[in-house]
C-alpha atoms as a PDB file:
ATOM      1  CA  MET A   1     115.242 105.072 135.829  1.00  0.00           C
ATOM      2  CA  ASN A   2     115.460 103.009 139.043  1.00  0.00           C
ATOM      3  CA  GLY A   3     116.388  99.428 138.176  1.00  0.00           C
ATOM      4  CA  PHE A   4     115.689  96.226 140.055  1.00  0.00           C
ATOM      5  CA  THR A   5     115.019  92.621 139.217  1.00  0.00           C
ATOM      6  CA  LEU A   6     112.176  90.296 140.131  1.00  0.00           C
ATOM      7  CA  ARG A   7     114.686  88.206 142.104  1.00  0.00           C
ATOM      8  CA  GLN A   8     115.611  91.261 144.171  1.00  0.00           C
ATOM      9  CA  LEU A   9     111.935  91.926 144.832  1.00  0.00           C
ATOM     10  CA  ALA A  10     111.389  88.328 145.935  1.00  0.00           C
ATOM     11  CA  LEU A  11     114.274  88.600 148.428  1.00  0.00           C
ATOM     12  CA  LEU A  12     113.001  91.911 149.762  1.00  0.00           C
ATOM     13  CA  VAL A  13     109.422  90.742 150.119  1.00  0.00           C
ATOM     14  CA  GLU A  14     110.391  87.549 151.952  1.00  0.00           C
ATOM     15  CA  THR A  15     112.636  89.519 154.308  1.00  0.00           C
ATOM     16  CA  ALA A  16     109.708  91.785 155.130  1.00  0.00           C
ATOM     17  CA  ARG A  17     107.356  88.823 155.628  1.00  0.00           C
ATOM     18  CA  SER A  18     109.833  86.882 157.788  1.00  0.00           C
ATOM     19  CA  GLY A  19     110.947  89.843 159.864  1.00  0.00           C
ATOM     20  CA  GLY A  20     114.626  89.470 159.165  1.00  0.00           C
ATOM     21  CA  ILE A  21     117.405  88.345 156.876  1.00  0.00           C
ATOM     22  CA  ALA A  22     118.222  85.070 158.621  1.00  0.00           C
ATOM     23  CA  PRO A  23     114.690  83.573 158.533  1.00  0.00           C
ATOM     24  CA  ALA A  24     114.204  84.765 154.932  1.00  0.00           C
ATOM     25  CA  ALA A  25     117.488  83.086 153.948  1.00  0.00           C
ATOM     26  CA  ARG A  26     116.329  79.801 155.453  1.00  0.00           C
ATOM     27  CA  ILE A  27     112.966  79.931 153.663  1.00  0.00           C
ATOM     28  CA  LEU A  28     114.497  80.852 150.296  1.00  0.00           C
ATOM     29  CA  ASN A  29     117.509  78.572 150.725  1.00  0.00           C
ATOM     30  CA  VAL A  30     120.009  81.339 149.986  1.00  0.00           C
ATOM     31  CA  SER A  31     122.794  82.815 152.048  1.00  0.00           C
ATOM     32  CA  PRO A  32     122.092  85.722 154.415  1.00  0.00           C
ATOM     33  CA  ALA A  33     124.884  87.591 152.650  1.00  0.00           C
ATOM     34  CA  ALA A  34     122.975  87.378 149.332  1.00  0.00           C
ATOM     35  CA  ILE A  35     119.880  88.932 150.889  1.00  0.00           C
ATOM     36  CA  SER A  36     121.880  91.608 152.726  1.00  0.00           C
ATOM     37  CA  SER A  37     123.653  92.489 149.484  1.00  0.00           C
ATOM     38  CA  ALA A  38     120.332  92.683 147.587  1.00  0.00           C
ATOM     39  CA  ILE A  39     118.884  95.072 150.167  1.00  0.00           C
ATOM     40  CA  ASP A  40     121.973  97.277 150.177  1.00  0.00           C
ATOM     41  CA  LYS A  41     122.141  97.431 146.370  1.00  0.00           C
ATOM     42  CA  PHE A  42     118.429  98.197 146.078  1.00  0.00           C
ATOM     43  CA  GLU A  43     118.568 101.026 148.633  1.00  0.00           C
ATOM     44  CA  GLU A  44     121.738 102.422 147.069  1.00  0.00           C
ATOM     45  CA  THR A  45     120.361 102.276 143.530  1.00  0.00           C
ATOM     46  CA  THR A  46     116.885 103.617 144.249  1.00  0.00           C
ATOM     47  CA  GLY A  47     117.544 105.869 147.229  1.00  0.00           C
ATOM     48  CA  LEU A  48     114.582 104.268 148.997  1.00  0.00           C
ATOM     49  CA  ILE A  49     115.290 103.072 152.550  1.00  0.00           C
ATOM     50  CA  LEU A  50     113.228  99.957 153.136  1.00  0.00           C
ATOM     51  CA  PHE A  51     114.281  98.903 156.612  1.00  0.00           C
ATOM     52  CA  ASP A  52     115.209 100.516 159.896  1.00  0.00           C
ATOM     53  CA  ARG A  53     117.908  98.474 161.626  1.00  0.00           C
ATOM     54  CA  PHE A  54     117.852  98.023 165.377  1.00  0.00           C
ATOM     55  CA  PRO A  55     120.858  96.266 166.923  1.00  0.00           C
ATOM     56  CA  ALA A  56     118.785  94.604 169.634  1.00  0.00           C
ATOM     57  CA  ARG A  57     115.488  94.097 167.757  1.00  0.00           C
ATOM     58  CA  GLY A  58     116.514  93.361 164.187  1.00  0.00           C
ATOM     59  CA  MET A  59     114.865  95.017 161.185  1.00  0.00           C
ATOM     60  CA  ARG A  60     111.575  96.831 160.680  1.00  0.00           C
ATOM     61  CA  LEU A  61     110.033  98.245 157.534  1.00  0.00           C
ATOM     62  CA  THR A  62     110.000 102.005 157.189  1.00  0.00           C
ATOM     63  CA  ARG A  63     106.686 103.639 156.272  1.00  0.00           C
ATOM     64  CA  ALA A  64     107.918 104.038 152.723  1.00  0.00           C
ATOM     65  CA  GLY A  65     109.113 100.438 152.812  1.00  0.00           C
ATOM     66  CA  GLN A  66     105.656  99.232 153.863  1.00  0.00           C
ATOM     67  CA  ASP A  67     104.072 100.965 150.881  1.00  0.00           C
ATOM     68  CA  PHE A  68     106.743  99.620 148.545  1.00  0.00           C
ATOM     69  CA  ILE A  69     106.392  96.020 149.741  1.00  0.00           C
ATOM     70  CA  VAL A  70     102.633  96.120 149.042  1.00  0.00           C
ATOM     71  CA  GLU A  71     103.370  97.189 145.460  1.00  0.00           C
ATOM     72  CA  ALA A  72     106.201  94.674 145.151  1.00  0.00           C
ATOM     73  CA  GLU A  73     103.960  91.803 146.276  1.00  0.00           C
ATOM     74  CA  ALA A  74     101.356  92.807 143.687  1.00  0.00           C
ATOM     75  CA  LEU A  75     104.024  92.967 140.968  1.00  0.00           C
ATOM     76  CA  LEU A  76     105.382  89.538 141.877  1.00  0.00           C
ATOM     77  CA  THR A  77     101.860  88.120 141.750  1.00  0.00           C
ATOM     78  CA  ARG A  78     101.339  89.591 138.284  1.00  0.00           C
ATOM     79  CA  ALA A  79     104.746  88.322 137.150  1.00  0.00           C
ATOM     80  CA  ASP A  80     103.883  84.826 138.362  1.00  0.00           C
ATOM     81  CA  ALA A  81     100.574  84.967 136.493  1.00  0.00           C
ATOM     82  CA  LEU A  82     102.419  86.166 133.375  1.00  0.00           C
ATOM     83  CA  GLY A  83     104.817  83.247 133.675  1.00  0.00           C
ATOM     84  CA  ARG A  84     101.928  80.806 133.806  1.00  0.00           C
ATOM     85  CA  ARG A  85     100.351  82.584 130.850  1.00  0.00           C
ATOM     86  CA  ILE A  86     103.549  82.219 128.831  1.00  0.00           C
ATOM     87  CA  SER A  87     103.647  78.516 129.634  1.00  0.00           C
ATOM     88  CA  ASP A  88     100.035  78.138 128.513  1.00  0.00           C
ATOM     89  CA  LEU A  89     100.773  79.955 125.257  1.00  0.00           C
ATOM     90  CA  VAL A  90     103.834  77.815 124.560  1.00  0.00           C
ATOM     91  CA  GLU A  91     101.927  74.622 125.323  1.00  0.00           C
ATOM     92  CA  GLY A  92      98.877  75.720 123.336  1.00  0.00           C
ATOM     93  CA  ALA A  93      96.575  75.752 126.371  1.00  0.00           C
ATOM     94  CA  SER A  94      95.461  79.345 125.750  1.00  0.00           C
ATOM     95  CA  GLY A  95      95.632  82.123 123.198  1.00  0.00           C
ATOM     96  CA  THR A  96      93.577  83.554 120.344  1.00  0.00           C
ATOM     97  CA  ILE A  97      93.314  82.358 116.754  1.00  0.00           C
ATOM     98  CA  HIS A  98      91.951  84.588 113.968  1.00  0.00           C
ATOM     99  CA  ILE A  99      90.592  82.820 110.867  1.00  0.00           C
ATOM    100  CA  GLY A 100      89.197  84.308 107.658  1.00  0.00           C
ATOM    101  CA  THR A 101      86.846  82.308 105.452  1.00  0.00           C
ATOM    102  CA  HIS A 102      83.812  82.278 103.118  1.00  0.00           C
ATOM    103  CA  TYR A 103      80.207  81.547 104.045  1.00  0.00           C
ATOM    104  CA  GLY A 104      79.962  78.016 102.646  1.00  0.00           C
ATOM    105  CA  ILE A 105      83.356  76.966 103.993  1.00  0.00           C
ATOM    106  CA  ALA A 106      82.648  78.545 107.367  1.00  0.00           C
ATOM    107  CA  HIS A 107      79.491  76.499 107.684  1.00  0.00           C
ATOM    108  CA  LYS A 108      80.800  73.184 106.374  1.00  0.00           C
ATOM    109  CA  ILE A 109      84.443  73.155 107.522  1.00  0.00           C
ATOM    110  CA  VAL A 110      85.411  75.941 109.910  1.00  0.00           C
ATOM    111  CA  LEU A 111      82.443  75.777 112.296  1.00  0.00           C
ATOM    112  CA  PRO A 112      82.725  71.990 112.818  1.00  0.00           C
ATOM    113  CA  ALA A 113      86.474  72.462 113.315  1.00  0.00           C
ATOM    114  CA  VAL A 114      85.844  75.165 115.938  1.00  0.00           C
ATOM    115  CA  LEU A 115      83.463  72.904 117.860  1.00  0.00           C
ATOM    116  CA  ALA A 116      85.877  69.964 117.737  1.00  0.00           C
ATOM    117  CA  PHE A 117      88.888  72.123 118.665  1.00  0.00           C
ATOM    118  CA  ARG A 118      87.180  73.621 121.707  1.00  0.00           C
ATOM    119  CA  GLU A 119      86.790  70.151 123.163  1.00  0.00           C
ATOM    120  CA  SER A 120      90.560  69.694 123.347  1.00  0.00           C
ATOM    121  CA  HIS A 121      91.528  73.364 123.800  1.00  0.00           C
ATOM    122  CA  PRO A 122      88.858  74.957 126.033  1.00  0.00           C
ATOM    123  CA  GLY A 123      91.118  77.880 126.956  1.00  0.00           C
ATOM    124  CA  VAL A 124      91.657  79.008 123.372  1.00  0.00           C
ATOM    125  CA  ARG A 125      89.599  81.811 121.828  1.00  0.00           C
ATOM    126  CA  ILE A 126      88.828  81.424 118.125  1.00  0.00           C
ATOM    127  CA  GLU A 127      87.607  84.422 116.120  1.00  0.00           C
ATOM    128  CA  VAL A 128      86.238  83.819 112.614  1.00  0.00           C
ATOM    129  CA  VAL A 129      85.519  86.517 110.040  1.00  0.00           C
ATOM    130  CA  GLU A 130      83.551  85.745 106.873  1.00  0.00           C
ATOM    131  CA  ASP A 131      84.138  88.211 104.051  1.00  0.00           C
ATOM    132  CA  ASP A 132      84.727  88.548 100.310  1.00  0.00           C
ATOM    133  CA  TYR A 133      88.026  87.403  98.852  1.00  0.00           C
ATOM    134  CA  PRO A 134      89.771  90.788  98.378  1.00  0.00           C
ATOM    135  CA  SER A 135      88.923  91.817 101.949  1.00  0.00           C
ATOM    136  CA  LEU A 136      90.219  88.527 103.326  1.00  0.00           C
ATOM    137  CA  ILE A 137      93.498  88.874 101.413  1.00  0.00           C
ATOM    138  CA  ALA A 138      93.898  92.399 102.789  1.00  0.00           C
ATOM    139  CA  SER A 139      93.271  91.124 106.328  1.00  0.00           C
ATOM    140  CA  LEU A 140      95.859  88.366 105.880  1.00  0.00           C
ATOM    141  CA  ASP A 141      98.474  90.780 104.548  1.00  0.00           C
ATOM    142  CA  ALA A 142      97.764  93.225 107.389  1.00  0.00           C
ATOM    143  CA  GLY A 143      98.123  90.505 110.017  1.00  0.00           C
ATOM    144  CA  ASP A 144      94.515  90.863 111.161  1.00  0.00           C
ATOM    145  CA  VAL A 145      93.921  87.137 110.561  1.00  0.00           C
ATOM    146  CA  ASP A 146      96.360  84.279 111.134  1.00  0.00           C
ATOM    147  CA  ALA A 147      95.174  82.123 108.240  1.00  0.00           C
ATOM    148  CA  LEU A 148      92.519  81.867 105.553  1.00  0.00           C
ATOM    149  CA  VAL A 149      90.396  78.826 104.785  1.00  0.00           C
ATOM    150  CA  VAL A 150      89.020  79.846 101.401  1.00  0.00           C
ATOM    151  CA  PHE A 151      88.373  78.988  97.786  1.00  0.00           C
ATOM    152  CA  ASP A 152      91.569  79.388  95.800  1.00  0.00           C
ATOM    153  CA  GLN A 153      91.044  82.452  93.619  1.00  0.00           C
ATOM    154  CA  GLY A 154      94.698  83.217  93.120  1.00  0.00           C
ATOM    155  CA  PHE A 155      97.479  83.984  95.596  1.00  0.00           C
ATOM    156  CA  ASP A 156     100.801  85.790  95.386  1.00  0.00           C
ATOM    157  CA  GLU A 157     103.437  83.106  96.055  1.00  0.00           C
ATOM    158  CA  ALA A 158     105.879  85.777  97.159  1.00  0.00           C
ATOM    159  CA  ARG A 159     103.554  86.774 100.001  1.00  0.00           C
ATOM    160  CA  HIS A 160     101.501  83.682 100.762  1.00  0.00           C
ATOM    161  CA  VAL A 161     102.029  80.043 101.639  1.00  0.00           C
ATOM    162  CA  VAL A 162      99.116  78.020 100.253  1.00  0.00           C
ATOM    163  CA  ALA A 163      98.258  74.389 101.048  1.00  0.00           C
ATOM    164  CA  PRO A 164      95.377  72.469  99.407  1.00  0.00           C
ATOM    165  CA  LEU A 165      92.565  71.346 101.679  1.00  0.00           C
ATOM    166  CA  ALA A 166      89.873  69.910  99.379  1.00  0.00           C
ATOM    167  CA  ASP A 167      88.730  69.799  95.752  1.00  0.00           C
ATOM    168  CA  LEU A 168      84.980  70.237  95.531  1.00  0.00           C
ATOM    169  CA  PRO A 169      83.095  68.575  92.661  1.00  0.00           C
ATOM    170  CA  THR A 170      80.539  70.737  90.907  1.00  0.00           C
ATOM    171  CA  LEU A 171      76.954  69.970  91.963  1.00  0.00           C
ATOM    172  CA  VAL A 172      73.749  71.138  90.282  1.00  0.00           C
ATOM    173  CA  LEU A 173      71.219  72.516  92.759  1.00  0.00           C
ATOM    174  CA  LEU A 174      67.611  72.110  91.612  1.00  0.00           C
ATOM    175  CA  SER A 175      64.166  72.417  93.065  1.00  0.00           C
ATOM    176  CA  ALA A 176      63.086  68.992  94.295  1.00  0.00           C
ATOM    177  CA  THR A 177      60.070  69.298  91.971  1.00  0.00           C
ATOM    178  CA  HIS A 178      62.194  69.820  88.853  1.00  0.00           C
ATOM    179  CA  PRO A 179      62.179  66.813  86.442  1.00  0.00           C
ATOM    180  CA  LEU A 180      66.013  66.711  86.433  1.00  0.00           C
ATOM    181  CA  ALA A 181      65.957  66.202  90.199  1.00  0.00           C
ATOM    182  CA  GLN A 182      65.079  62.570  89.537  1.00  0.00           C
ATOM    183  CA  ASP A 183      68.354  61.905  87.704  1.00  0.00           C
ATOM    184  CA  ASP A 184      71.340  60.443  89.551  1.00  0.00           C
ATOM    185  CA  ARG A 185      73.607  62.568  87.371  1.00  0.00           C
ATOM    186  CA  VAL A 186      72.434  65.606  85.428  1.00  0.00           C
ATOM    187  CA  PRO A 187      73.394  65.682  81.723  1.00  0.00           C
ATOM    188  CA  LEU A 188      75.115  68.985  80.965  1.00  0.00           C
ATOM    189  CA  GLU A 189      73.083  69.387  77.773  1.00  0.00           C
ATOM    190  CA  ALA A 190      69.849  69.095  79.769  1.00  0.00           C
ATOM    191  CA  LEU A 191      70.662  72.430  81.431  1.00  0.00           C
ATOM    192  CA  SER A 192      70.623  74.227  78.092  1.00  0.00           C
ATOM    193  CA  GLY A 193      67.877  76.842  77.999  1.00  0.00           C
ATOM    194  CA  LEU A 194      67.281  76.795  81.774  1.00  0.00           C
ATOM    195  CA  PRO A 195      67.772  80.051  83.708  1.00  0.00           C
ATOM    196  CA  TYR A 196      70.808  80.193  85.983  1.00  0.00           C
ATOM    197  CA  ILE A 197      70.747  81.839  89.434  1.00  0.00           C
ATOM    198  CA  ALA A 198      74.174  83.356  90.114  1.00  0.00           C
ATOM    199  CA  VAL A 199      76.109  84.335  93.211  1.00  0.00           C
ATOM    200  CA  SER A 200      77.896  87.656  92.772  1.00  0.00           C
ATOM    201  CA  ARG A 201      81.578  87.292  92.010  1.00  0.00           C
ATOM    202  CA  ALA A 202      83.615  87.573  95.218  1.00  0.00           C
ATOM    203  CA  GLY A 203      87.097  87.664  93.739  1.00  0.00           C
ATOM    204  CA  PRO A 204      89.317  87.486  90.671  1.00  0.00           C
ATOM    205  CA  GLY A 205      89.109  83.724  90.156  1.00  0.00           C
ATOM    206  CA  PRO A 206      86.630  81.757  88.032  1.00  0.00           C
ATOM    207  CA  SER A 207      82.967  81.489  88.974  1.00  0.00           C
ATOM    208  CA  TYR A 208      80.564  78.601  88.494  1.00  0.00           C
ATOM    209  CA  LEU A 209      78.945  80.607  85.722  1.00  0.00           C
ATOM    210  CA  SER A 210      82.281  80.921  83.934  1.00  0.00           C
ATOM    211  CA  LEU A 211      82.732  77.130  84.215  1.00  0.00           C
ATOM    212  CA  LEU A 212      79.372  76.652  82.499  1.00  0.00           C
ATOM    213  CA  GLN A 213      80.300  79.123  79.786  1.00  0.00           C
ATOM    214  CA  ALA A 214      83.636  77.380  79.224  1.00  0.00           C
ATOM    215  CA  ALA A 215      81.719  74.090  78.847  1.00  0.00           C
ATOM    216  CA  GLY A 216      79.598  75.580  76.064  1.00  0.00           C
ATOM    217  CA  LEU A 217      76.488  76.829  77.883  1.00  0.00           C
ATOM    218  CA  ASP A 218      75.519  80.495  78.042  1.00  0.00           C
ATOM    219  CA  PRO A 219      72.432  80.540  80.266  1.00  0.00           C
ATOM    220  CA  GLU A 220      70.116  83.446  80.941  1.00  0.00           C
ATOM    221  CA  VAL A 221      70.818  84.884  84.426  1.00  0.00           C
ATOM    222  CA  PRO A 222      67.613  86.487  85.748  1.00  0.00           C
ATOM    223  CA  PHE A 223      68.748  86.699  89.377  1.00  0.00           C
ATOM    224  CA  THR A 224      72.129  87.481  90.963  1.00  0.00           C
ATOM    225  CA  SER A 225      72.739  87.906  94.665  1.00  0.00           C
ATOM    226  CA  GLN A 226      75.632  88.234  97.111  1.00  0.00           C
ATOM    227  CA  SER A 227      73.741  85.872  99.409  1.00  0.00           C
ATOM    228  CA  ARG A 228      74.148  82.159  98.727  1.00  0.00           C
ATOM    229  CA  GLU A 229      71.088  81.511 100.863  1.00  0.00           C
ATOM    230  CA  LEU A 230      68.975  83.835  98.716  1.00  0.00           C
ATOM    231  CA  VAL A 231      70.286  82.207  95.531  1.00  0.00           C
ATOM    232  CA  GLN A 232      69.282  78.805  96.916  1.00  0.00           C
ATOM    233  CA  ALA A 233      65.875  80.243  97.858  1.00  0.00           C
ATOM    234  CA  TYR A 234      65.320  81.332  94.239  1.00  0.00           C
ATOM    235  CA  VAL A 235      66.172  77.787  93.153  1.00  0.00           C
ATOM    236  CA  GLY A 236      63.768  76.338  95.700  1.00  0.00           C
ATOM    237  CA  LYS A 237      60.986  78.436  94.219  1.00  0.00           C
ATOM    238  CA  GLY A 238      61.633  76.877  90.814  1.00  0.00           C
ATOM    239  CA  LEU A 239      63.086  80.035  89.255  1.00  0.00           C
ATOM    240  CA  GLY A 240      66.176  78.320  87.888  1.00  0.00           C
ATOM    241  CA  TYR A 241      69.178  76.247  88.919  1.00  0.00           C
ATOM    242  CA  THR A 242      72.622  77.033  90.335  1.00  0.00           C
ATOM    243  CA  LEU A 243      75.935  75.251  90.839  1.00  0.00           C
ATOM    244  CA  VAL A 244      77.321  74.656  94.312  1.00  0.00           C
ATOM    245  CA  GLY A 245      80.125  72.923  96.129  1.00  0.00           C
ATOM    246  CA  PHE A 246      78.114  72.354  99.296  1.00  0.00           C
ATOM    247  CA  PRO A 247      74.381  71.580  99.261  1.00  0.00           C
ATOM    248  CA  PRO A 248      72.135  73.290 101.838  1.00  0.00           C
ATOM    249  CA  ASP A 249      71.620  71.567 105.175  1.00  0.00           C
ATOM    250  CA  ARG A 250      68.872  68.954 105.046  1.00  0.00           C
ATOM    251  CA  ASN A 251      68.376  69.992 101.387  1.00  0.00           C
ATOM    252  CA  LEU A 252      66.092  72.824 102.464  1.00  0.00           C
ATOM    253  CA  THR A 253      66.313  76.520 101.622  1.00  0.00           C
ATOM    254  CA  ILE A 254      65.737  79.346 104.106  1.00  0.00           C
ATOM    255  CA  GLU A 255      62.182  79.472 102.741  1.00  0.00           C
ATOM    256  CA  GLY A 256      61.658  75.817 103.649  1.00  0.00           C
ATOM    257  CA  ASP A 257      61.526  74.619 100.040  1.00  0.00           C
ATOM    258  CA  ALA A 258      63.074  71.246  99.197  1.00  0.00           C
ATOM    259  CA  VAL A 259      66.064  71.224  96.864  1.00  0.00           C
ATOM    260  CA  VAL A 260      68.410  68.491  95.672  1.00  0.00           C
ATOM    261  CA  ALA A 261      72.083  68.551  94.694  1.00  0.00           C
ATOM    262  CA  ARG A 262      73.071  66.270  91.838  1.00  0.00           C
ATOM    263  CA  PRO A 263      76.487  65.781  90.186  1.00  0.00           C
ATOM    264  CA  LEU A 264      76.912  66.575  86.510  1.00  0.00           C
ATOM    265  CA  ASP A 265      77.529  63.775  84.058  1.00  0.00           C
ATOM    266  CA  ARG A 266      80.949  65.281  83.290  1.00  0.00           C
ATOM    267  CA  ASP A 267      83.627  67.233  85.135  1.00  0.00           C
ATOM    268  CA  ILE A 268      83.517  70.869  84.002  1.00  0.00           C
ATOM    269  CA  GLY A 269      85.943  72.022  86.701  1.00  0.00           C
ATOM    270  CA  ARG A 270      86.379  72.014  90.439  1.00  0.00           C
ATOM    271  CA  PHE A 271      86.941  74.631  93.070  1.00  0.00           C
ATOM    272  CA  ARG A 272      89.872  74.079  95.375  1.00  0.00           C
ATOM    273  CA  VAL A 273      89.612  74.917  99.061  1.00  0.00           C
ATOM    274  CA  VAL A 274      92.971  75.955 100.486  1.00  0.00           C
ATOM    275  CA  ILE A 275      94.641  77.126 103.662  1.00  0.00           C
ATOM    276  CA  ALA A 276      96.657  80.311 103.141  1.00  0.00           C
ATOM    277  CA  GLN A 277      99.103  81.995 105.498  1.00  0.00           C
ATOM    278  CA  ALA A 278     101.391  85.007 105.170  1.00  0.00           C
ATOM    279  CA  ARG A 279     105.033  84.151 104.465  1.00  0.00           C
ATOM    280  CA  ALA A 280     106.158  87.019 106.672  1.00  0.00           C
ATOM    281  CA  VAL A 281     104.481  85.538 109.768  1.00  0.00           C
ATOM    282  CA  THR A 282     105.635  82.453 111.635  1.00  0.00           C
ATOM    283  CA  GLY A 283     102.646  80.268 112.445  1.00  0.00           C
ATOM    284  CA  SER A 284     102.224  78.936 115.955  1.00  0.00           C
ATOM    285  CA  ALA A 285     101.746  75.345 117.077  1.00  0.00           C
ATOM    286  CA  LEU A 286      98.327  76.412 118.328  1.00  0.00           C
ATOM    287  CA  LEU A 287      97.287  77.671 114.890  1.00  0.00           C
ATOM    288  CA  GLU A 288      98.586  74.500 113.243  1.00  0.00           C
ATOM    289  CA  ALA A 289      96.550  72.397 115.662  1.00  0.00           C
ATOM    290  CA  PHE A 290      93.397  74.278 114.642  1.00  0.00           C
ATOM    291  CA  LEU A 291      94.203  73.917 110.937  1.00  0.00           C
ATOM    292  CA  ASP A 292      94.597  70.191 111.550  1.00  0.00           C
ATOM    293  CA  ALA A 293      91.037  70.248 112.926  1.00  0.00           C
ATOM    294  CA  CYS A 294      89.941  71.870 109.641  1.00  0.00           C
ATOM    295  CA  ARG A 295      91.748  69.168 107.656  1.00  0.00           C
ATOM    296  CA  ALA A 296      89.969  66.503 109.683  1.00  0.00           C
ATOM    297  CA  GLN A 297      86.593  67.810 108.473  1.00  0.00           C
ATOM    298  CA  VAL A 298      87.405  66.880 104.867  1.00  0.00           C
ATOM    299  CA  ALA A 299      89.480  63.745 105.489  1.00  0.00           C
END
């Protein structure tokens, strides 16, 4: 394989542009001997003759040399662009961040963080995937995402570094027309006998339904859905209640029905939102800056 360095190319290109070794040496502030040596070594190593030498008229590019210099100039331009790109990546001015999350957290924490982060880092691309817990863990372990912002449903400490982000109190979501909607805090016993609308389990950790059952209630569950929005729509229609960490925006369901979120009169358990990263991967300053933007949303 023919070997040469970018410095050699720069000397060769400037010699071609300037029409000779002496003017190129003055422009580059190097000795003529350094340029002459670079040309000789390049031609000897590659077998490509770049210049014809004329005792009375100096140097002139050969036809092959003309073609080579065009390619060399293009390579130097790309190398310069790559150098600037490296600087941008080191300084956090550009790059791509991949985040995995859940629907509710994406809407309440990650999306506001993305909007705030883009103000200070306009050259950074942020890709967010919302998925169920097992799929997100698999993506983290495979290196497809840089970090997870998720509900803590159990992590392997040998593989993951986990930092708490927020503890969400349990809220009761009710139709705005339900009598309990008038209470500032909903008595747990008042929920006895009311149907519960459940979100399908997304991982191995506890669910809101399991928190209710641990507190002594065992409600009928007439509707279960993977969609939190659909669950909230059932509640808005007066078909039951559910437990949430984040109430819907403007306390309206996708059907336009009014709902209210009220705290329970006792703490039956909280769900922790965490940031998780793979131990095997070294996080970048750019990623940490985005995670700081996520932390700011719950500060």
